[in-house]
């Protein structure tokens, strides 16, 4: 039985904040009081939640000692400045930004994979992994337990909503700018994503690093190693595609121990949060959108090394399980643990 708490949502006006609200309402989450927090720009706005009109409060003057839990669905700069303030006020923080993910003192949690970190943790801050890391480690975890994953090659196909509202607007605006389906007439002013995205793919997400990899690719690498094992070799290529919502990934891995295909199939079928598809081909629009499931299919062997190599395809809603739903699961487990210890 969850303990009812006073809860704040920081960044409530953004995409993840709005999805979190929908999930809270659908689950009838036990909040004694729900408060909405955002920047000064959004302060004073009215947001409706369960037949109530709640006013957005300015984060600069918000008293975090008045709430038990704060979901941070804003950017890294907001988390950097205000999450420690909230934690020092006694508030539990669940942060979606990348700021605390690699902090050794902050648990980086996917509840199905390493939810044990939430039990009796001294930290007041808990980090939600990258929206591409979450489905990847969920798929790797049962296979790692069976045969020890030593190497992962992954290419992502990431929706524009992963770039925030500007990503969604970029795709909408660019599609409208095409005239009579003539690509040569595209009005390429200053693309919001740096490059045209409509009817296109961009093999660059975030800034390039001196290594030639992007920050997004290294997030997947570093976070996977922190969550599963520092010994795993991860090689990621992150690509933005013309999809509204739902990230997909082509994954190729090698295990230390031989792994039978039947055993791998059963392990994936049994793992919570994964929907294993045998006949279907999972796709972001037809399967993943607006639900918290990681859809996985096309499981197959490498033709030259059938004992150690596996390949598969997965897709997951980046705003649901990739962000808001994972944060809510962390809160539920934390509250459940508190209730049991009360």
C-alpha atoms as a PDB file:
ATOM      1  CA  UNK A   1       0.000   0.000   0.000  1.00  0.00           C
ATOM      2  CA  UNK A   2       1.564   3.290  -1.101  1.00  0.00           C
ATOM      3  CA  UNK A   3       1.875   6.097   1.397  1.00  0.00           C
ATOM      4  CA  UNK A   4       0.104   9.262   0.262  1.00  0.00           C
ATOM      5  CA  UNK A   5       2.584  12.119  -0.147  1.00  0.00           C
ATOM      6  CA  UNK A   6       2.858  15.775  -1.064  1.00  0.00           C
ATOM      7  CA  UNK A   7       4.339  15.868  -4.558  1.00  0.00           C
ATOM      8  CA  UNK A   8       5.764  18.531  -6.854  1.00  0.00           C
ATOM      9  CA  UNK A   9       6.391  18.283 -10.589  1.00  0.00           C
ATOM     10  CA  UNK A  10       9.202  20.554 -11.752  1.00  0.00           C
ATOM     11  CA  UNK A  11       8.939  21.286 -15.462  1.00  0.00           C
ATOM     12  CA  UNK A  12       5.267  20.430 -15.578  1.00  0.00           C
ATOM     13  CA  UNK A  13       4.671  22.427 -18.763  1.00  0.00           C
ATOM     14  CA  UNK A  14       7.155  20.385 -20.812  1.00  0.00           C
ATOM     15  CA  UNK A  15       6.562  17.156 -22.734  1.00  0.00           C
ATOM     16  CA  UNK A  16       7.704  14.771 -19.998  1.00  0.00           C
ATOM     17  CA  UNK A  17       5.856  16.752 -17.325  1.00  0.00           C
ATOM     18  CA  UNK A  18       2.636  16.544 -19.300  1.00  0.00           C
ATOM     19  CA  UNK A  19       2.994  12.793 -19.881  1.00  0.00           C
ATOM     20  CA  UNK A  20       3.725  12.321 -16.189  1.00  0.00           C
ATOM     21  CA  UNK A  21       0.473  14.103 -15.364  1.00  0.00           C
ATOM     22  CA  UNK A  22      -1.467  11.753 -17.645  1.00  0.00           C
ATOM     23  CA  UNK A  23       0.087   8.708 -16.025  1.00  0.00           C
ATOM     24  CA  UNK A  24      -0.516   9.998 -12.489  1.00  0.00           C
ATOM     25  CA  UNK A  25      -4.177  10.554 -13.322  1.00  0.00           C
ATOM     26  CA  UNK A  26      -4.566   7.165 -15.023  1.00  0.00           C
ATOM     27  CA  UNK A  27      -2.983   5.348 -12.062  1.00  0.00           C
ATOM     28  CA  UNK A  28      -4.802   7.514  -9.515  1.00  0.00           C
ATOM     29  CA  UNK A  29      -1.453   8.014  -7.805  1.00  0.00           C
ATOM     30  CA  UNK A  30      -1.906   8.645  -4.059  1.00  0.00           C
ATOM     31  CA  UNK A  31      -0.832  12.260  -3.689  1.00  0.00           C
ATOM     32  CA  UNK A  32      -2.148  14.197  -0.715  1.00  0.00           C
ATOM     33  CA  UNK A  33      -1.244  17.358  -2.552  1.00  0.00           C
ATOM     34  CA  UNK A  34       0.103  17.937  -6.042  1.00  0.00           C
ATOM     35  CA  UNK A  35       1.974  21.129  -6.852  1.00  0.00           C
ATOM     36  CA  UNK A  36       3.190  22.334 -10.227  1.00  0.00           C
ATOM     37  CA  UNK A  37       6.534  24.104 -10.528  1.00  0.00           C
ATOM     38  CA  UNK A  38       8.293  25.703 -13.486  1.00  0.00           C
ATOM     39  CA  UNK A  39      10.409  28.677 -14.460  1.00  0.00           C
ATOM     40  CA  UNK A  40       9.297  32.255 -13.994  1.00  0.00           C
ATOM     41  CA  UNK A  41       8.179  32.252 -17.642  1.00  0.00           C
ATOM     42  CA  UNK A  42       5.482  29.657 -16.923  1.00  0.00           C
ATOM     43  CA  UNK A  43       4.637  30.694 -13.352  1.00  0.00           C
ATOM     44  CA  UNK A  44       1.021  31.725 -12.924  1.00  0.00           C
ATOM     45  CA  UNK A  45      -0.333  29.465 -15.654  1.00  0.00           C
ATOM     46  CA  UNK A  46      -3.319  27.289 -14.859  1.00  0.00           C
ATOM     47  CA  UNK A  47      -3.061  23.550 -15.529  1.00  0.00           C
ATOM     48  CA  UNK A  48      -6.020  21.216 -15.140  1.00  0.00           C
ATOM     49  CA  UNK A  49      -5.599  17.957 -13.263  1.00  0.00           C
ATOM     50  CA  UNK A  50      -8.497  15.729 -12.204  1.00  0.00           C
ATOM     51  CA  UNK A  51     -11.110  18.473 -12.427  1.00  0.00           C
ATOM     52  CA  UNK A  52      -8.907  20.989 -10.640  1.00  0.00           C
ATOM     53  CA  UNK A  53      -7.198  24.089 -11.988  1.00  0.00           C
ATOM     54  CA  UNK A  54      -3.787  24.288 -10.340  1.00  0.00           C
ATOM     55  CA  UNK A  55      -1.494  27.289 -10.605  1.00  0.00           C
ATOM     56  CA  UNK A  56       2.103  26.808 -11.703  1.00  0.00           C
ATOM     57  CA  UNK A  57       4.522  28.120  -9.068  1.00  0.00           C
ATOM     58  CA  UNK A  58       7.875  29.793  -9.681  1.00  0.00           C
ATOM     59  CA  UNK A  59      10.746  27.435  -8.881  1.00  0.00           C
ATOM     60  CA  UNK A  60      12.934  30.311  -7.721  1.00  0.00           C
ATOM     61  CA  UNK A  61      10.718  30.893  -4.684  1.00  0.00           C
ATOM     62  CA  UNK A  62       9.314  27.387  -4.194  1.00  0.00           C
ATOM     63  CA  UNK A  63       9.706  25.855  -0.720  1.00  0.00           C
ATOM     64  CA  UNK A  64      10.715  22.225  -1.253  1.00  0.00           C
ATOM     65  CA  UNK A  65      10.399  21.479   2.458  1.00  0.00           C
ATOM     66  CA  UNK A  66       6.621  21.488   1.904  1.00  0.00           C
ATOM     67  CA  UNK A  67       6.730  18.428  -0.374  1.00  0.00           C
ATOM     68  CA  UNK A  68       7.958  14.864   0.159  1.00  0.00           C
ATOM     69  CA  UNK A  69       8.832  14.135  -3.453  1.00  0.00           C
ATOM     70  CA  UNK A  70       9.729  16.219  -6.486  1.00  0.00           C
ATOM     71  CA  UNK A  71       9.766  14.887 -10.024  1.00  0.00           C
ATOM     72  CA  UNK A  72      12.300  16.946 -11.988  1.00  0.00           C
ATOM     73  CA  UNK A  73      11.259  16.930 -15.650  1.00  0.00           C
ATOM     74  CA  UNK A  74      13.293  19.985 -16.621  1.00  0.00           C
ATOM     75  CA  UNK A  75      16.797  20.331 -18.042  1.00  0.00           C
ATOM     76  CA  UNK A  76      20.240  19.763 -16.562  1.00  0.00           C
ATOM     77  CA  UNK A  77      20.767  23.387 -15.512  1.00  0.00           C
ATOM     78  CA  UNK A  78      17.557  23.370 -13.481  1.00  0.00           C
ATOM     79  CA  UNK A  79      18.492  20.051 -11.890  1.00  0.00           C
ATOM     80  CA  UNK A  80      22.026  21.230 -11.158  1.00  0.00           C
ATOM     81  CA  UNK A  81      20.809  24.272  -9.257  1.00  0.00           C
ATOM     82  CA  UNK A  82      17.537  23.198  -7.643  1.00  0.00           C
ATOM     83  CA  UNK A  83      17.763  19.434  -7.048  1.00  0.00           C
ATOM     84  CA  UNK A  84      20.354  19.823  -4.249  1.00  0.00           C
ATOM     85  CA  UNK A  85      18.212  22.572  -2.714  1.00  0.00           C
ATOM     86  CA  UNK A  86      15.227  20.226  -2.716  1.00  0.00           C
ATOM     87  CA  UNK A  87      17.265  17.315  -1.320  1.00  0.00           C
ATOM     88  CA  UNK A  88      18.732  19.474   1.447  1.00  0.00           C
ATOM     89  CA  UNK A  89      15.178  20.459   2.376  1.00  0.00           C
ATOM     90  CA  UNK A  90      14.387  16.772   2.965  1.00  0.00           C
ATOM     91  CA  UNK A  91      12.619  16.209  -0.342  1.00  0.00           C
ATOM     92  CA  UNK A  92      13.214  13.101  -2.457  1.00  0.00           C
ATOM     93  CA  UNK A  93      14.199  14.073  -6.015  1.00  0.00           C
ATOM     94  CA  UNK A  94      13.663  11.897  -9.087  1.00  0.00           C
ATOM     95  CA  UNK A  95      15.473  13.631 -11.919  1.00  0.00           C
ATOM     96  CA  UNK A  96      15.029  12.986 -15.643  1.00  0.00           C
ATOM     97  CA  UNK A  97      17.908  15.177 -16.787  1.00  0.00           C
ATOM     98  CA  UNK A  98      21.405  13.872 -17.481  1.00  0.00           C
ATOM     99  CA  UNK A  99      23.072  15.961 -14.785  1.00  0.00           C
ATOM    100  CA  UNK A 100      23.303  13.393 -11.948  1.00  0.00           C
ATOM    101  CA  UNK A 101      23.376  10.165 -13.952  1.00  0.00           C
ATOM    102  CA  UNK A 102      27.090   9.503 -13.688  1.00  0.00           C
ATOM    103  CA  UNK A 103      27.448  10.821 -10.126  1.00  0.00           C
ATOM    104  CA  UNK A 104      28.685   7.792  -8.140  1.00  0.00           C
ATOM    105  CA  UNK A 105      26.622   8.888  -5.132  1.00  0.00           C
ATOM    106  CA  UNK A 106      23.361   9.000  -7.122  1.00  0.00           C
ATOM    107  CA  UNK A 107      21.560   5.755  -8.044  1.00  0.00           C
ATOM    108  CA  UNK A 108      20.797   5.490 -11.780  1.00  0.00           C
ATOM    109  CA  UNK A 109      17.697   3.336 -11.787  1.00  0.00           C
ATOM    110  CA  UNK A 110      15.570   1.244 -14.106  1.00  0.00           C
ATOM    111  CA  UNK A 111      13.378  -0.516 -11.515  1.00  0.00           C
ATOM    112  CA  UNK A 112      13.090  -3.805 -13.429  1.00  0.00           C
ATOM    113  CA  UNK A 113      16.884  -3.956 -13.786  1.00  0.00           C
ATOM    114  CA  UNK A 114      18.422  -2.537 -10.600  1.00  0.00           C
ATOM    115  CA  UNK A 115      15.502  -1.538  -8.409  1.00  0.00           C
ATOM    116  CA  UNK A 116      17.351  -2.995  -5.413  1.00  0.00           C
ATOM    117  CA  UNK A 117      19.339   0.264  -5.307  1.00  0.00           C
ATOM    118  CA  UNK A 118      16.227   2.013  -4.012  1.00  0.00           C
ATOM    119  CA  UNK A 119      16.087  -0.023  -0.824  1.00  0.00           C
ATOM    120  CA  UNK A 120      17.568   1.896   2.105  1.00  0.00           C
ATOM    121  CA  UNK A 121      19.512   4.218  -0.199  1.00  0.00           C
ATOM    122  CA  UNK A 122      21.127   7.156   1.631  1.00  0.00           C
ATOM    123  CA  UNK A 123      20.683   9.363  -1.425  1.00  0.00           C
ATOM    124  CA  UNK A 124      17.824  11.831  -1.690  1.00  0.00           C
ATOM    125  CA  UNK A 125      18.399  12.170  -5.434  1.00  0.00           C
ATOM    126  CA  UNK A 126      17.648   9.407  -7.933  1.00  0.00           C
ATOM    127  CA  UNK A 127      18.446   9.666 -11.630  1.00  0.00           C
ATOM    128  CA  UNK A 128      16.404   8.375 -14.568  1.00  0.00           C
ATOM    129  CA  UNK A 129      18.600   7.080 -17.428  1.00  0.00           C
ATOM    130  CA  UNK A 130      18.567   8.312 -20.999  1.00  0.00           C
ATOM    131  CA  UNK A 131      15.450   7.395 -22.975  1.00  0.00           C
ATOM    132  CA  UNK A 132      17.492   5.083 -25.213  1.00  0.00           C
ATOM    133  CA  UNK A 133      19.458   3.500 -22.383  1.00  0.00           C
ATOM    134  CA  UNK A 134      16.334   2.358 -20.522  1.00  0.00           C
ATOM    135  CA  UNK A 135      14.986  -0.080 -23.138  1.00  0.00           C
ATOM    136  CA  UNK A 136      18.501  -1.254 -23.982  1.00  0.00           C
ATOM    137  CA  UNK A 137      19.406  -2.297 -20.436  1.00  0.00           C
ATOM    138  CA  UNK A 138      15.985  -3.895 -19.967  1.00  0.00           C
ATOM    139  CA  UNK A 139      16.649  -6.110 -22.978  1.00  0.00           C
ATOM    140  CA  UNK A 140      20.246  -6.832 -21.959  1.00  0.00           C
ATOM    141  CA  UNK A 141      19.565  -7.643 -18.304  1.00  0.00           C
ATOM    142  CA  UNK A 142      17.969 -11.119 -18.672  1.00  0.00           C
ATOM    143  CA  UNK A 143      20.574 -12.126 -21.277  1.00  0.00           C
ATOM    144  CA  UNK A 144      23.409 -10.808 -19.114  1.00  0.00           C
ATOM    145  CA  UNK A 145      22.131 -12.872 -16.178  1.00  0.00           C
ATOM    146  CA  UNK A 146      22.127 -15.998 -18.349  1.00  0.00           C
ATOM    147  CA  UNK A 147      25.385 -15.734 -20.247  1.00  0.00           C
ATOM    148  CA  UNK A 148      27.223 -12.456 -19.390  1.00  0.00           C
ATOM    149  CA  UNK A 149      27.008  -9.853 -22.144  1.00  0.00           C
ATOM    150  CA  UNK A 150      30.512  -8.709 -23.033  1.00  0.00           C
ATOM    151  CA  UNK A 151      29.925  -6.528 -26.101  1.00  0.00           C
ATOM    152  CA  UNK A 152      26.999  -4.522 -27.501  1.00  0.00           C
ATOM    153  CA  UNK A 153      26.667  -2.777 -30.845  1.00  0.00           C
ATOM    154  CA  UNK A 154      23.557  -0.596 -31.001  1.00  0.00           C
ATOM    155  CA  UNK A 155      22.129   1.818 -33.560  1.00  0.00           C
ATOM    156  CA  UNK A 156      19.212   3.960 -32.442  1.00  0.00           C
ATOM    157  CA  UNK A 157      16.337   5.405 -34.457  1.00  0.00           C
ATOM    158  CA  UNK A 158      15.119   8.208 -32.219  1.00  0.00           C
ATOM    159  CA  UNK A 159      11.887  10.172 -32.539  1.00  0.00           C
ATOM    160  CA  UNK A 160      11.821  13.957 -32.780  1.00  0.00           C
ATOM    161  CA  UNK A 161      10.024  14.224 -29.423  1.00  0.00           C
ATOM    162  CA  UNK A 162      13.329  13.204 -27.874  1.00  0.00           C
ATOM    163  CA  UNK A 163      14.575  16.671 -28.829  1.00  0.00           C
ATOM    164  CA  UNK A 164      11.700  18.301 -26.928  1.00  0.00           C
ATOM    165  CA  UNK A 165       8.980  20.558 -28.234  1.00  0.00           C
ATOM    166  CA  UNK A 166      11.371  22.083 -30.765  1.00  0.00           C
ATOM    167  CA  UNK A 167      11.871  18.648 -32.319  1.00  0.00           C
ATOM    168  CA  UNK A 168       8.150  18.080 -32.721  1.00  0.00           C
ATOM    169  CA  UNK A 169       7.688  21.579 -34.134  1.00  0.00           C
ATOM    170  CA  UNK A 170      10.591  21.055 -36.524  1.00  0.00           C
ATOM    171  CA  UNK A 171       8.978  17.999 -38.084  1.00  0.00           C
ATOM    172  CA  UNK A 172       5.542  19.643 -38.211  1.00  0.00           C
ATOM    173  CA  UNK A 173       6.849  22.841 -39.789  1.00  0.00           C
ATOM    174  CA  UNK A 174       9.084  21.119 -42.293  1.00  0.00           C
ATOM    175  CA  UNK A 175       6.350  18.763 -43.495  1.00  0.00           C
ATOM    176  CA  UNK A 176       4.092  21.771 -44.078  1.00  0.00           C
ATOM    177  CA  UNK A 177       6.859  23.530 -45.979  1.00  0.00           C
ATOM    178  CA  UNK A 178       6.961  20.889 -48.681  1.00  0.00           C
ATOM    179  CA  UNK A 179       4.925  22.006 -51.685  1.00  0.00           C
ATOM    180  CA  UNK A 180       3.363  19.475 -54.034  1.00  0.00           C
ATOM    181  CA  UNK A 181       5.718  16.816 -52.639  1.00  0.00           C
ATOM    182  CA  UNK A 182       8.595  18.534 -54.433  1.00  0.00           C
ATOM    183  CA  UNK A 183      11.598  18.220 -52.125  1.00  0.00           C
ATOM    184  CA  UNK A 184      13.490  20.878 -54.078  1.00  0.00           C
ATOM    185  CA  UNK A 185      11.024  23.496 -52.876  1.00  0.00           C
ATOM    186  CA  UNK A 186      11.739  22.870 -49.206  1.00  0.00           C
ATOM    187  CA  UNK A 187      12.187  26.195 -47.443  1.00  0.00           C
ATOM    188  CA  UNK A 188      15.406  25.407 -45.620  1.00  0.00           C
ATOM    189  CA  UNK A 189      15.884  28.500 -43.484  1.00  0.00           C
ATOM    190  CA  UNK A 190      17.497  27.562 -40.188  1.00  0.00           C
ATOM    191  CA  UNK A 191      16.332  24.032 -39.273  1.00  0.00           C
ATOM    192  CA  UNK A 192      15.397  23.742 -35.596  1.00  0.00           C
ATOM    193  CA  UNK A 193      17.417  20.538 -35.288  1.00  0.00           C
ATOM    194  CA  UNK A 194      20.416  21.884 -37.170  1.00  0.00           C
ATOM    195  CA  UNK A 195      19.550  19.834 -40.259  1.00  0.00           C
ATOM    196  CA  UNK A 196      16.265  19.096 -42.050  1.00  0.00           C
ATOM    197  CA  UNK A 197      14.421  16.208 -40.380  1.00  0.00           C
ATOM    198  CA  UNK A 198      11.236  15.809 -42.474  1.00  0.00           C
ATOM    199  CA  UNK A 199      11.666  12.785 -44.770  1.00  0.00           C
ATOM    200  CA  UNK A 200      15.253  12.636 -43.577  1.00  0.00           C
ATOM    201  CA  UNK A 201      17.484  11.064 -40.927  1.00  0.00           C
ATOM    202  CA  UNK A 202      20.195  12.825 -38.938  1.00  0.00           C
ATOM    203  CA  UNK A 203      23.068  10.621 -37.712  1.00  0.00           C
ATOM    204  CA  UNK A 204      23.936  13.169 -35.034  1.00  0.00           C
ATOM    205  CA  UNK A 205      22.176  13.740 -31.718  1.00  0.00           C
ATOM    206  CA  UNK A 206      23.757  16.302 -29.386  1.00  0.00           C
ATOM    207  CA  UNK A 207      27.275  17.636 -29.842  1.00  0.00           C
ATOM    208  CA  UNK A 208      30.256  15.786 -31.232  1.00  0.00           C
ATOM    209  CA  UNK A 209      33.080  14.922 -28.842  1.00  0.00           C
ATOM    210  CA  UNK A 210      36.797  14.794 -29.779  1.00  0.00           C
ATOM    211  CA  UNK A 211      36.444  11.008 -30.147  1.00  0.00           C
ATOM    212  CA  UNK A 212      33.998  11.459 -33.023  1.00  0.00           C
ATOM    213  CA  UNK A 213      31.129  10.089 -30.945  1.00  0.00           C
ATOM    214  CA  UNK A 214      28.263  12.330 -29.842  1.00  0.00           C
ATOM    215  CA  UNK A 215      27.263  13.072 -26.276  1.00  0.00           C
ATOM    216  CA  UNK A 216      24.085  11.042 -26.826  1.00  0.00           C
ATOM    217  CA  UNK A 217      26.097   8.008 -27.879  1.00  0.00           C
ATOM    218  CA  UNK A 218      28.387   8.283 -24.897  1.00  0.00           C
ATOM    219  CA  UNK A 219      25.396   8.634 -22.554  1.00  0.00           C
ATOM    220  CA  UNK A 220      24.203   5.223 -23.723  1.00  0.00           C
ATOM    221  CA  UNK A 221      27.685   3.773 -23.318  1.00  0.00           C
ATOM    222  CA  UNK A 222      28.435   5.180 -19.869  1.00  0.00           C
ATOM    223  CA  UNK A 223      24.959   4.613 -18.435  1.00  0.00           C
ATOM    224  CA  UNK A 224      24.761   1.005 -19.632  1.00  0.00           C
ATOM    225  CA  UNK A 225      28.102   0.270 -17.998  1.00  0.00           C
ATOM    226  CA  UNK A 226      27.023   1.920 -14.744  1.00  0.00           C
ATOM    227  CA  UNK A 227      23.701   0.064 -14.620  1.00  0.00           C
ATOM    228  CA  UNK A 228      24.807  -3.415 -15.748  1.00  0.00           C
ATOM    229  CA  UNK A 229      28.581  -3.818 -15.597  1.00  0.00           C
ATOM    230  CA  UNK A 230      31.662  -1.669 -16.203  1.00  0.00           C
ATOM    231  CA  UNK A 231      33.114  -4.602 -18.156  1.00  0.00           C
ATOM    232  CA  UNK A 232      30.575  -4.417 -21.001  1.00  0.00           C
ATOM    233  CA  UNK A 233      31.894  -2.872 -24.219  1.00  0.00           C
ATOM    234  CA  UNK A 234      29.230  -0.625 -25.737  1.00  0.00           C
ATOM    235  CA  UNK A 235      29.428   0.933 -29.198  1.00  0.00           C
ATOM    236  CA  UNK A 236      26.471   3.205 -30.040  1.00  0.00           C
ATOM    237  CA  UNK A 237      25.372   5.185 -33.075  1.00  0.00           C
ATOM    238  CA  UNK A 238      22.476   7.556 -32.327  1.00  0.00           C
ATOM    239  CA  UNK A 239      20.258   8.694 -35.190  1.00  0.00           C
ATOM    240  CA  UNK A 240      17.281  11.091 -35.292  1.00  0.00           C
ATOM    241  CA  UNK A 241      14.466   9.944 -37.597  1.00  0.00           C
ATOM    242  CA  UNK A 242      11.177  11.354 -38.918  1.00  0.00           C
ATOM    243  CA  UNK A 243       9.024   9.724 -36.237  1.00  0.00           C
ATOM    244  CA  UNK A 244       6.888  11.680 -33.790  1.00  0.00           C
ATOM    245  CA  UNK A 245       7.144   9.455 -30.739  1.00  0.00           C
ATOM    246  CA  UNK A 246       8.930   6.214 -29.933  1.00  0.00           C
ATOM    247  CA  UNK A 247      12.610   5.303 -30.094  1.00  0.00           C
ATOM    248  CA  UNK A 248      13.780   2.108 -31.784  1.00  0.00           C
ATOM    249  CA  UNK A 249      17.093   0.253 -31.619  1.00  0.00           C
ATOM    250  CA  UNK A 250      18.927  -2.397 -33.624  1.00  0.00           C
ATOM    251  CA  UNK A 251      20.988  -4.340 -31.101  1.00  0.00           C
ATOM    252  CA  UNK A 252      23.797  -6.837 -31.717  1.00  0.00           C
ATOM    253  CA  UNK A 253      25.529  -8.455 -28.754  1.00  0.00           C
ATOM    254  CA  UNK A 254      28.074 -11.083 -27.843  1.00  0.00           C
ATOM    255  CA  UNK A 255      27.947 -13.184 -24.689  1.00  0.00           C
ATOM    256  CA  UNK A 256      30.816 -14.783 -22.799  1.00  0.00           C
ATOM    257  CA  UNK A 257      28.980 -18.067 -22.341  1.00  0.00           C
ATOM    258  CA  UNK A 258      27.153 -19.893 -25.137  1.00  0.00           C
ATOM    259  CA  UNK A 259      23.460 -19.028 -25.132  1.00  0.00           C
ATOM    260  CA  UNK A 260      20.740 -21.134 -26.708  1.00  0.00           C
ATOM    261  CA  UNK A 261      18.185 -19.176 -28.698  1.00  0.00           C
ATOM    262  CA  UNK A 262      15.330 -20.907 -26.873  1.00  0.00           C
ATOM    263  CA  UNK A 263      16.763 -19.901 -23.485  1.00  0.00           C
ATOM    264  CA  UNK A 264      17.243 -16.300 -24.621  1.00  0.00           C
ATOM    265  CA  UNK A 265      13.686 -16.206 -25.952  1.00  0.00           C
ATOM    266  CA  UNK A 266      12.216 -17.498 -22.705  1.00  0.00           C
ATOM    267  CA  UNK A 267      14.273 -15.105 -20.584  1.00  0.00           C
ATOM    268  CA  UNK A 268      13.052 -12.128 -22.617  1.00  0.00           C
ATOM    269  CA  UNK A 269       9.457 -13.358 -22.473  1.00  0.00           C
ATOM    270  CA  UNK A 270       9.647 -13.676 -18.689  1.00  0.00           C
ATOM    271  CA  UNK A 271      11.263 -10.298 -18.039  1.00  0.00           C
ATOM    272  CA  UNK A 272       8.833  -7.680 -16.639  1.00  0.00           C
ATOM    273  CA  UNK A 273       8.107  -4.748 -18.919  1.00  0.00           C
ATOM    274  CA  UNK A 274       9.146  -6.531 -22.132  1.00  0.00           C
ATOM    275  CA  UNK A 275       6.658  -7.718 -24.739  1.00  0.00           C
ATOM    276  CA  UNK A 276       8.379 -10.336 -26.842  1.00  0.00           C
ATOM    277  CA  UNK A 277       7.071 -10.464 -30.413  1.00  0.00           C
ATOM    278  CA  UNK A 278       7.447 -13.745 -32.285  1.00  0.00           C
ATOM    279  CA  UNK A 279       5.353 -13.192 -35.406  1.00  0.00           C
ATOM    280  CA  UNK A 280       4.973  -9.415 -35.251  1.00  0.00           C
ATOM    281  CA  UNK A 281       7.579  -6.802 -36.117  1.00  0.00           C
ATOM    282  CA  UNK A 282       7.432  -4.175 -33.334  1.00  0.00           C
ATOM    283  CA  UNK A 283       7.226  -0.588 -34.578  1.00  0.00           C
ATOM    284  CA  UNK A 284       7.075   2.750 -32.738  1.00  0.00           C
ATOM    285  CA  UNK A 285       3.781   3.994 -34.177  1.00  0.00           C
ATOM    286  CA  UNK A 286       1.841   0.731 -34.207  1.00  0.00           C
ATOM    287  CA  UNK A 287       3.137  -0.773 -30.968  1.00  0.00           C
ATOM    288  CA  UNK A 288       5.090   1.506 -28.644  1.00  0.00           C
ATOM    289  CA  UNK A 289       3.292   4.864 -28.709  1.00  0.00           C
ATOM    290  CA  UNK A 290       1.594   5.904 -25.468  1.00  0.00           C
ATOM    291  CA  UNK A 291       2.371   2.806 -23.427  1.00  0.00           C
ATOM    292  CA  UNK A 292       5.155   1.779 -21.014  1.00  0.00           C
ATOM    293  CA  UNK A 293       6.153  -1.487 -22.711  1.00  0.00           C
ATOM    294  CA  UNK A 294       9.465  -2.305 -24.380  1.00  0.00           C
ATOM    295  CA  UNK A 295       8.513  -4.198 -27.539  1.00  0.00           C
ATOM    296  CA  UNK A 296      11.177  -6.626 -28.714  1.00  0.00           C
ATOM    297  CA  UNK A 297      11.325  -8.828 -31.794  1.00  0.00           C
ATOM    298  CA  UNK A 298      13.410 -10.149 -34.690  1.00  0.00           C
ATOM    299  CA  UNK A 299      15.569 -12.149 -32.259  1.00  0.00           C
ATOM    300  CA  UNK A 300      18.111 -14.070 -34.319  1.00  0.00           C
ATOM    301  CA  UNK A 301      21.523 -15.669 -34.406  1.00  0.00           C
ATOM    302  CA  UNK A 302      24.649 -14.427 -36.138  1.00  0.00           C
ATOM    303  CA  UNK A 303      25.178 -16.652 -39.198  1.00  0.00           C
ATOM    304  CA  UNK A 304      28.902 -17.107 -38.428  1.00  0.00           C
ATOM    305  CA  UNK A 305      28.754 -17.447 -34.625  1.00  0.00           C
ATOM    306  CA  UNK A 306      25.467 -18.929 -33.505  1.00  0.00           C
ATOM    307  CA  UNK A 307      26.686 -19.738 -30.000  1.00  0.00           C
ATOM    308  CA  UNK A 308      27.662 -16.295 -28.758  1.00  0.00           C
ATOM    309  CA  UNK A 309      26.066 -13.614 -30.966  1.00  0.00           C
ATOM    310  CA  UNK A 310      22.450 -12.435 -30.805  1.00  0.00           C
ATOM    311  CA  UNK A 311      20.656  -9.679 -32.685  1.00  0.00           C
ATOM    312  CA  UNK A 312      17.246  -8.140 -32.081  1.00  0.00           C
ATOM    313  CA  UNK A 313      15.101  -5.069 -32.646  1.00  0.00           C
ATOM    314  CA  UNK A 314      13.268  -3.109 -29.976  1.00  0.00           C
ATOM    315  CA  UNK A 315      11.030  -0.079 -29.739  1.00  0.00           C
ATOM    316  CA  UNK A 316       9.800   1.925 -26.766  1.00  0.00           C
ATOM    317  CA  UNK A 317       7.916   5.174 -26.166  1.00  0.00           C
ATOM    318  CA  UNK A 318      10.620   7.646 -25.175  1.00  0.00           C
ATOM    319  CA  UNK A 319       8.211   9.869 -23.219  1.00  0.00           C
ATOM    320  CA  UNK A 320       6.560   7.003 -21.305  1.00  0.00           C
ATOM    321  CA  UNK A 321       8.914   4.204 -20.236  1.00  0.00           C
ATOM    322  CA  UNK A 322      11.812   6.242 -21.562  1.00  0.00           C
ATOM    323  CA  UNK A 323      11.071   9.061 -19.132  1.00  0.00           C
ATOM    324  CA  UNK A 324       7.888   9.692 -17.126  1.00  0.00           C
ATOM    325  CA  UNK A 325       6.799   6.121 -16.414  1.00  0.00           C
ATOM    326  CA  UNK A 326      10.254   5.045 -15.272  1.00  0.00           C
ATOM    327  CA  UNK A 327      10.332   8.013 -12.888  1.00  0.00           C
ATOM    328  CA  UNK A 328       6.934   7.065 -11.500  1.00  0.00           C
ATOM    329  CA  UNK A 329       8.032   3.453 -11.020  1.00  0.00           C
ATOM    330  CA  UNK A 330      10.975   4.699  -8.947  1.00  0.00           C
ATOM    331  CA  UNK A 331       8.595   6.724  -6.783  1.00  0.00           C
ATOM    332  CA  UNK A 332       6.273   3.764  -6.303  1.00  0.00           C
ATOM    333  CA  UNK A 333       9.104   1.496  -5.190  1.00  0.00           C
ATOM    334  CA  UNK A 334      10.498   4.143  -2.843  1.00  0.00           C
ATOM    335  CA  UNK A 335       7.087   4.756  -1.267  1.00  0.00           C
ATOM    336  CA  UNK A 336       6.376   1.046  -1.023  1.00  0.00           C
ATOM    337  CA  UNK A 337       9.694   0.535   0.783  1.00  0.00           C
ATOM    338  CA  UNK A 338       8.890   3.360   3.184  1.00  0.00           C
ATOM    339  CA  UNK A 339       5.475   1.864   3.887  1.00  0.00           C
ATOM    340  CA  UNK A 340       6.985  -1.527   4.691  1.00  0.00           C
ATOM    341  CA  UNK A 341       9.547   0.040   7.025  1.00  0.00           C
ATOM    342  CA  UNK A 342       6.992   2.261   8.773  1.00  0.00           C
END
